[in-house]
Protein backbone atom coordinates (compact mmCIF):
# COMPACT_ATOMS: atom_id res chain seq x y z
CA MET A 1 105.59 89.67 125.17
CA SER A 2 102.67 87.89 123.21
CA GLU A 3 103.27 84.83 121.37
CA VAL A 4 103.19 85.05 117.53
CA LYS A 5 100.56 82.65 116.19
CA VAL A 6 100.90 83.46 112.51
CA ALA A 7 103.99 84.96 110.63
CA CYS A 8 104.08 85.56 106.88
CA TYR A 9 107.23 86.59 105.59
CA ASN A 10 107.69 88.00 102.16
CA LEU A 11 104.92 85.93 100.52
CA CYS A 12 104.29 85.91 96.72
CA LYS A 13 101.76 84.22 94.55
CA LYS A 14 101.44 84.38 90.88
CA PHE A 15 98.83 82.90 88.63
CA GLY A 16 100.20 82.56 85.51
CA THR A 17 102.07 85.62 84.65
CA THR A 18 99.80 87.81 86.88
CA VAL A 19 101.15 88.54 90.46
CA VAL A 20 98.49 88.25 93.00
CA VAL A 21 100.49 88.66 95.97
CA ASP A 22 103.64 90.66 96.29
CA ASP A 23 106.32 90.36 99.05
CA LEU A 24 103.61 90.38 101.78
CA SER A 25 104.53 90.18 105.46
CA PHE A 26 102.90 90.19 108.57
CA THR A 27 102.36 88.79 112.12
CA VAL A 28 99.27 87.86 114.19
CA GLU A 29 99.53 87.71 118.03
CA SER A 30 98.12 84.93 120.24
CA GLY A 31 94.09 85.75 121.04
CA GLN A 32 94.28 88.79 118.10
CA VAL A 33 92.13 89.45 115.15
CA LEU A 34 93.86 90.86 112.13
CA ALA A 35 91.07 92.01 109.44
CA LEU A 36 92.67 91.76 106.19
CA LEU A 37 91.05 94.41 104.26
CA GLY A 38 91.09 95.92 100.39
CA PRO A 39 89.23 95.88 97.36
CA SER A 40 88.12 92.93 95.11
CA GLY A 41 90.92 91.51 93.24
CA CYS A 42 93.73 93.03 95.98
CA GLY A 43 94.79 89.50 96.74
CA LYS A 44 93.48 89.37 100.24
CA THR A 45 91.25 85.65 99.72
CA THR A 46 94.57 84.23 98.06
CA THR A 47 96.67 85.45 101.12
CA LEU A 48 94.39 83.46 103.23
CA ARG A 49 94.12 80.31 101.05
CA LEU A 50 98.18 80.34 101.36
CA ILE A 51 97.81 80.48 105.13
CA ALA A 52 95.45 77.52 104.74
CA GLY A 53 97.21 75.63 102.62
CA PHE A 54 95.08 75.66 99.63
CA GLU A 55 97.52 77.46 97.15
CA LYS A 56 101.10 76.94 97.25
CA LEU A 57 103.83 79.97 97.76
CA ASP A 58 105.97 80.70 95.02
CA GLY A 59 108.02 82.61 97.60
CA GLY A 60 108.19 83.52 100.93
CA ARG A 61 107.67 81.80 104.37
CA ILE A 62 104.73 80.96 106.70
CA GLU A 63 104.78 80.03 110.26
CA VAL A 64 101.67 78.79 112.09
CA ALA A 65 102.31 78.21 115.81
CA GLY A 66 105.97 78.51 115.61
CA GLN A 67 106.10 75.94 113.08
CA VAL A 68 107.25 76.35 109.37
CA VAL A 69 104.27 75.10 107.37
CA ALA A 70 105.22 76.44 103.94
CA ASP A 71 108.16 77.96 102.33
CA ASP A 72 110.20 77.51 98.78
CA ARG A 73 110.76 73.82 99.46
CA LEU A 74 107.93 72.68 102.11
CA HIS A 75 104.24 72.76 101.58
CA TRP A 76 102.15 71.34 104.47
CA PRO A 77 98.62 70.14 103.59
CA PRO A 78 95.65 71.95 105.30
CA GLU A 79 95.04 69.32 107.76
CA ARG A 80 98.33 69.49 109.21
CA ARG A 81 98.55 73.12 109.63
CA ARG A 82 95.99 73.67 112.64
CA VAL A 83 93.98 76.15 111.14
CA GLY A 84 90.08 76.25 111.30
CA MET A 85 88.18 77.92 108.09
CA VAL A 86 84.91 79.51 107.86
CA PHE A 87 83.92 80.11 104.17
CA GLN A 88 81.53 82.58 102.55
CA ASP A 89 78.92 80.21 101.90
CA TYR A 90 80.05 78.37 105.24
CA ALA A 91 80.17 75.08 103.93
CA ILE A 92 78.06 73.20 106.36
CA PHE A 93 76.94 69.74 105.37
CA PRO A 94 73.29 69.77 104.50
CA HIS A 95 72.88 65.99 105.33
CA LEU A 96 73.99 66.31 108.59
CA ASN A 97 72.46 67.87 111.82
CA VAL A 98 73.92 70.72 113.62
CA ALA A 99 76.01 68.25 116.35
CA GLN A 100 77.07 66.27 113.30
CA ASN A 101 78.15 69.25 111.71
CA VAL A 102 80.33 70.24 114.58
CA ALA A 103 81.52 67.11 115.51
CA PHE A 104 82.98 66.66 111.92
CA GLY A 105 86.76 65.90 112.02
CA LEU A 106 86.77 65.27 115.74
CA GLY A 107 86.69 61.61 115.75
CA ARG A 108 84.51 59.53 117.88
CA GLY A 109 83.91 59.31 121.95
CA SER A 110 83.10 61.10 124.84
CA GLN A 111 85.51 63.77 124.72
CA ALA A 112 84.28 64.42 121.02
CA GLU A 113 80.70 64.72 122.57
CA GLU A 114 81.69 67.06 125.44
CA GLN A 115 83.77 69.22 122.83
CA VAL A 116 80.61 69.51 120.79
CA GLU A 117 78.40 70.41 123.88
CA ALA A 118 81.05 73.01 124.96
CA MET A 119 80.93 74.53 121.49
CA LEU A 120 77.05 74.65 120.96
CA ALA A 121 76.96 76.54 124.22
CA MET A 122 79.62 78.89 123.61
CA VAL A 123 77.78 79.75 120.29
CA GLY A 124 74.34 79.66 121.98
CA LEU A 125 72.92 76.92 119.82
CA GLU A 126 71.84 74.43 123.01
CA GLY A 127 68.62 72.59 122.07
CA LEU A 128 69.56 72.67 118.42
CA GLU A 129 71.66 69.52 118.09
CA ASP A 130 69.27 67.81 116.24
CA GLN A 131 68.29 70.56 113.70
CA MET A 132 69.22 70.17 109.87
CA PRO A 133 70.77 72.98 108.27
CA HIS A 134 68.02 73.77 105.96
CA GLU A 135 65.80 74.70 109.35
CA LEU A 136 68.44 77.03 110.62
CA SER A 137 68.53 81.19 110.15
CA GLY A 138 71.49 82.38 108.30
CA GLY A 139 72.80 83.84 111.38
CA GLN A 140 72.27 80.20 113.20
CA GLN A 141 74.03 78.84 109.94
CA GLN A 142 77.04 81.24 110.48
CA ARG A 143 77.34 80.10 114.20
CA VAL A 144 77.34 76.28 113.33
CA ALA A 145 80.52 77.10 110.73
CA LEU A 146 82.26 78.84 113.59
CA ALA A 147 81.58 76.32 116.12
CA ARG A 148 82.87 73.33 113.78
CA ALA A 149 85.88 75.80 112.75
CA LEU A 150 86.67 76.20 116.46
CA ALA A 151 85.91 72.84 117.79
CA PRO A 152 89.24 70.95 116.78
CA GLU A 153 91.04 74.23 118.68
CA PRO A 154 92.88 75.44 115.87
CA ALA A 155 95.91 77.41 116.02
CA VAL A 156 94.30 80.13 114.17
CA LEU A 157 90.77 80.60 112.56
CA LEU A 158 90.68 82.18 108.97
CA LEU A 159 87.35 83.63 107.88
CA ASP A 160 86.68 84.81 104.17
CA GLU A 161 83.87 87.17 103.94
CA PRO A 162 81.82 85.33 106.42
CA PHE A 163 78.87 87.96 106.22
CA SER A 164 78.68 88.37 102.72
CA ASN A 165 75.35 86.07 102.16
CA LEU A 166 73.45 87.67 105.21
CA ASP A 167 70.87 90.52 104.54
CA THR A 168 71.94 93.90 105.69
CA SER A 169 69.54 94.04 108.57
CA LEU A 170 71.16 90.71 109.84
CA ARG A 171 74.79 91.49 109.37
CA SER A 172 75.49 93.94 112.09
CA GLN A 173 73.75 91.67 114.52
CA VAL A 174 75.92 88.65 113.53
CA ARG A 175 79.51 90.42 113.16
CA ALA A 176 78.54 91.52 116.96
CA GLU A 177 77.99 88.07 117.95
CA VAL A 178 80.96 86.79 116.30
CA ARG A 179 83.33 89.24 117.39
CA ASP A 180 81.86 88.31 120.93
CA LEU A 181 82.63 84.82 120.45
CA LEU A 182 85.89 85.43 118.98
CA LYS A 183 87.01 87.24 122.27
CA LYS A 184 85.03 84.83 124.54
CA SER A 185 87.08 81.68 122.70
CA ARG A 186 90.51 83.60 122.92
CA ALA A 187 90.88 83.00 119.32
CA THR A 188 93.51 83.78 117.01
CA ALA A 189 92.10 85.26 113.79
CA ILE A 190 92.23 86.56 110.56
CA PHE A 191 89.42 88.02 109.05
CA VAL A 192 88.86 88.91 105.00
CA THR A 193 86.45 91.66 104.42
CA HIS A 194 86.20 94.35 101.76
CA ASP A 195 84.01 96.31 103.96
CA GLN A 196 85.74 99.28 105.91
CA GLU A 197 83.05 99.42 108.70
CA GLU A 198 83.39 95.78 109.28
CA ALA A 199 87.03 95.62 109.86
CA LEU A 200 86.90 98.44 112.27
CA PHE A 201 84.64 97.08 114.31
CA ILE A 202 85.93 93.31 114.41
CA GLY A 203 89.70 93.84 114.25
CA ASP A 204 92.04 94.56 116.80
CA ARG A 205 94.69 95.19 114.26
CA VAL A 206 93.94 96.14 110.37
CA ALA A 207 95.78 95.38 107.25
CA VAL A 208 94.67 97.32 104.29
CA MET A 209 95.82 95.60 100.79
CA GLN A 210 95.99 96.94 97.33
CA ALA A 211 97.01 95.24 94.20
CA GLY A 212 98.62 92.22 96.13
CA THR A 213 100.74 94.44 98.37
CA LEU A 214 100.56 95.66 102.11
CA GLU A 215 99.57 99.33 102.31
CA GLN A 216 99.36 99.66 105.79
CA VAL A 217 99.04 97.72 109.43
CA GLY A 218 97.59 99.28 112.51
CA THR A 219 95.29 99.61 115.15
CA PRO A 220 91.51 100.39 113.53
CA ALA A 221 92.28 104.03 115.03
CA GLU A 222 95.66 104.21 113.30
CA ILE A 223 94.48 103.03 109.96
CA PHE A 224 91.12 105.71 109.98
CA HIS A 225 92.80 108.71 111.83
CA GLU A 226 96.57 108.24 110.62
CA PRO A 227 96.58 106.83 107.19
CA ALA A 228 100.14 106.09 105.71
CA THR A 229 99.21 106.27 102.10
CA ARG A 230 96.40 108.41 100.07
CA PHE A 231 95.16 104.96 98.96
CA VAL A 232 94.57 104.05 102.81
CA ALA A 233 92.98 107.76 103.38
CA GLU A 234 90.73 107.40 100.04
CA PHE A 235 89.53 103.67 101.01
CA MET A 236 88.96 103.91 104.71
CA GLY A 237 85.92 106.44 104.11
CA GLN A 238 84.59 109.45 102.35
CA SER A 239 88.02 111.50 102.16
CA ASP A 240 88.14 114.77 99.82
CA PHE A 241 91.63 115.69 98.85
CA LEU A 242 92.42 119.28 98.76
CA PRO A 243 95.69 121.00 97.24
CA GLY A 244 97.85 122.65 99.57
CA GLN A 245 101.12 124.68 99.65
CA VAL A 246 103.35 124.42 102.83
CA THR A 247 104.24 127.45 104.56
CA ASP A 248 106.57 128.08 107.43
CA GLU A 249 103.21 128.21 109.92
CA GLY A 250 101.51 125.19 108.18
CA ILE A 251 99.72 124.75 104.95
CA MET A 252 97.60 127.06 102.96
CA THR A 253 94.66 125.53 101.43
CA PRO A 254 91.40 126.69 99.38
CA LEU A 255 89.20 126.51 102.91
CA GLY A 256 92.06 128.82 104.18
CA PRO A 257 95.25 128.25 106.35
CA LEU A 258 95.97 125.11 108.13
CA SER A 259 97.90 125.81 111.46
CA GLN A 260 99.45 122.26 111.15
CA PRO A 261 103.59 122.55 110.11
CA VAL A 262 104.92 119.41 108.38
CA ALA A 263 108.30 118.49 107.57
CA LEU A 264 108.73 120.06 103.98
CA PRO A 265 110.44 122.94 102.48
CA ALA A 266 107.82 126.39 102.16
CA GLY A 267 106.34 126.04 98.78
CA THR A 268 106.13 122.65 98.59
CA THR A 269 102.66 121.25 97.03
CA VAL A 270 100.91 118.53 99.09
CA GLU A 271 97.27 117.08 99.29
CA VAL A 272 95.36 117.54 102.23
CA ALA A 273 92.78 115.10 103.16
CA VAL A 274 89.42 115.99 104.82
CA ARG A 275 86.55 114.07 105.73
CA PRO A 276 82.85 115.61 106.37
CA ASP A 277 83.43 116.05 110.17
CA ASP A 278 86.52 118.08 109.59
CA VAL A 279 84.69 120.80 107.66
CA THR A 280 82.38 123.39 109.52
CA LEU A 281 80.00 125.30 107.31
CA ARG A 282 78.10 128.74 107.66
CA ALA A 283 75.78 130.76 105.83
CA GLU A 284 77.73 133.77 105.34
CA PRO A 285 77.25 135.28 102.18
CA ALA A 286 79.72 138.32 102.61
CA GLY A 287 82.67 135.78 103.51
CA ALA A 288 81.33 132.88 101.26
CA ASN A 289 84.12 130.61 99.76
CA GLY A 290 81.77 127.80 98.18
CA ARG A 291 78.08 126.99 97.51
CA ILE A 292 75.77 123.90 98.32
CA VAL A 293 75.35 121.92 95.37
CA ASP A 294 73.99 118.88 97.23
CA ARG A 295 72.51 118.03 100.79
CA ARG A 296 72.12 114.35 101.83
CA PHE A 297 69.74 113.61 105.18
CA VAL A 298 71.17 110.82 106.90
CA GLY A 299 69.08 110.83 110.42
CA ILE A 300 70.80 112.08 112.90
CA ALA A 301 72.94 114.70 110.60
CA THR A 302 72.93 116.03 106.86
CA ILE A 303 75.81 115.76 104.76
CA TYR A 304 76.11 118.75 102.81
CA THR A 305 78.16 118.96 99.06
CA VAL A 306 80.11 122.58 98.59
CA ALA A 307 81.28 123.26 95.42
CA LEU A 308 84.46 125.81 96.18
CA ASP A 309 85.05 129.19 94.40
CA ARG A 310 88.60 128.02 93.91
CA GLY A 311 87.88 124.45 92.47
CA GLY A 312 87.08 121.42 93.71
CA ARG A 313 84.36 119.96 96.24
CA VAL A 314 84.22 119.29 100.09
CA HIS A 315 81.49 117.28 102.18
CA SER A 316 80.53 118.67 105.60
CA TRP A 317 78.63 116.47 108.21
CA GLN A 318 76.48 119.18 110.07
CA PRO A 319 73.97 118.32 113.00
CA HIS A 320 70.10 117.97 112.01
CA THR A 321 69.71 121.16 113.74
CA VAL A 322 71.48 123.03 110.84
CA GLU A 323 69.64 123.61 108.00
CA LEU A 324 71.27 125.02 104.83
CA ALA A 325 69.59 125.08 101.60
CA SER A 326 70.92 123.98 98.17
CA GLY A 327 72.26 126.60 96.31
CA MET A 328 73.13 128.79 99.45
CA ALA A 329 76.75 130.61 99.35
CA VAL A 330 78.58 129.43 102.66
CA ARG A 331 81.80 129.72 104.14
CA ALA A 332 83.49 126.41 104.84
CA TRP A 333 86.83 126.16 106.98
CA LEU A 334 88.58 123.16 108.53
CA ARG A 335 88.00 122.49 112.20
CA PRO A 336 91.18 123.31 114.37
CA ASP A 337 90.86 120.82 117.03
CA HIS A 338 92.54 117.76 115.43
CA PRO A 339 95.02 117.51 112.84
CA VAL A 340 94.44 115.81 109.28
CA ALA A 341 96.29 113.93 107.22
CA VAL A 342 98.78 115.21 104.31
CA PHE A 343 100.31 113.60 101.54
CA TYR A 344 103.40 114.25 99.34
CA GLN A 345 103.75 112.21 96.47
CA GLY A 346 100.89 109.41 97.68
CA ARG A 347 102.97 109.24 101.32
CA ALA A 348 101.70 110.64 104.29
CA VAL A 349 103.83 113.25 105.40
CA HIS A 350 105.00 113.50 109.05
CA ARG A 351 104.17 116.82 111.35
CA LYS A 352 107.34 118.69 112.11
CA ILE A 353 108.11 118.78 115.65
CA SER A 354 109.14 122.04 117.34
CA VAL A 355 112.32 121.93 119.71
CA PRO A 356 112.07 124.48 122.28
CA GLY A 357 115.07 126.97 122.12
CA THR A 358 115.48 126.26 118.26
């Protein structure tokens, strides 16, 4: 069983009368990257600052590497917690060169010099020891900040929206580099972001937050394909929500029957979350159930918006070889080859499991 490096139990934090973090609990195992994901103002950065020691708890307990560092009575300062921090603006010192930045906090001596050399080699900055921060690219500055945070060998590395200051063209390259460096160094890390694609790419696990609470924690595949709440399904990608009525065989939707029995009584009203790749289209005027009202070319595919005859809209991802004109009557239906998420009162509904002989 893997060692737990960070454990947060029932964390609470208020600013005045506003509850920013509300009864939050999760753990991070050794060598694991947890992506803390959510919209602006959901409490993810405050959670990071509570772990780092920059904010004091109003309730709960935080453990780092098996040591209680904060609870109702205890508050260790950041320098005692064995945490490394990479900030949004990198916070590297403009008056120090690359090597001096990485060495900051290591003390002096040959051992510190060896550690600086090892860190610079790991992040691919050999030969740039004497460069000043203003002489570096944004990606190189990011790597200096990462090397400085990793140099003291922290128990956990905390990264707060570290790519937010990079150009769009550079972000995908740098995040791939950072993911590789985190894996190469076997770092335990908590990575805060509001970007869903970033979280799915970097996180071994993803924790989705809303309004200070934890909606769901799981692997990227679990979060994307098996959202526990309607909020997670909506936040994790372009989802359309269709009304449905439970039947003995599955669910009846505006796109026809869905052969997916759920553990609810027949007649119950539910919501079905469908993404563009769930919806198939065909130009079929005689059996049409909708009309194309918009089309968006995205290179390898076209995303069509279909207004349904029974109300509501859905989006459909079609390969670039499929050409459908705006205004065209089409038949839309759900692909039968994989289940979709179904919600009752905002919570995911479990699929009904048939037992042989019953």
